[in-house]
């Protein structure tokens, strides 16, 4: 335990939320601040396997305990979800007390992976898929890398609006540059997902974990997730392959005719790859797009460095996700930027 890098864990807690979210998420901001100064919380995070050493994993384990009815946590998280917390610092101290009394609530669940499967990213996928499919094909197959429960495999099932229309399934996305939302999405022939630990919306424990990965103060995300759970039985079917992208990408593509137009996409999945895995995935997708009837869409944090992709100048002033696209017969280029949860999208001029 003495070899754990507590300074690294402290920095991860400190920078887990972008500055623009501090006012919007006062409870999680206070909780992360408390954990940053607490040795036990630091050790819990520092001991997580490298690819999942994410403060949100620690926070999700506590949210999971609250959703399961833990006496010391249930009311705190319920109040946070409904905007009833009057003293967020006191609430954060209460959560930290629970961690010290029962650290196993966290440690016993750290085998998991953060899997938000954020539906808001489908608003971005719709815009990019329409652009990629234009003058290529009006019917595509799709493969999602890191599909979790496969919610974004059904990206075409969500209405996208500029303002909230009251429908919990509506994705509210601000188009910072011209995006033609009136263009029809291509039809989707088949849907295949790949994930090392796929989740099933029909499984109660899997649903609880997906909900635990949502930030409790974002009530609309919870309402949307509940609506997704109610809607998914009527959605188009999808095939999910368990394994890594290195193990199963060829298997996924072999399910389609080799000449069938196919879009492979990932949204905050390569973030959890090792650098070698990222390079291998990039190389393979570049090869397949150059030689075949395959396109690739990547939506990832800027910490994911795709080799050879034109950076297009300075980083985005907001903590944005970069959108990288490879069209059939072409190498990957940066397409634009978006909010990590799909709240806005900005297209840039392609080279």
Foldseek 3Di string as FASTA:
>chain_A
DVPFDLVVLLVLLQPLDPPVCCVVQVLSNLLSVVLSPDPVSSVLLSPFPPLASHVLLQQLLLLLCLVVPPPQRVVLLVCLLVVNDPDSNVSSVSSVVVCVVCVCSRNVRSVDHQQLLQLLCLLVVQQVQLVQCVVPDLEAAEEEEACAQVNSLLSVPAAEDCDDPPPLRYRHAAEPDDGPPPDDGRHYDAYEYEEQDHAHLVDPSSLSSNLSSDRSNPNSSVVSSVVCSVPVVVTDDHHYDHDHCVPPVVVVCVVDDQQGQYEYEYAAPCSSPDLVVLQVVLVVQQVDQQPGNYKYKYWHFPVSDHPPEDPPDDDDPGRWTWIWMRHRNGHIYTQWTAHSSNRYTYGDDTD
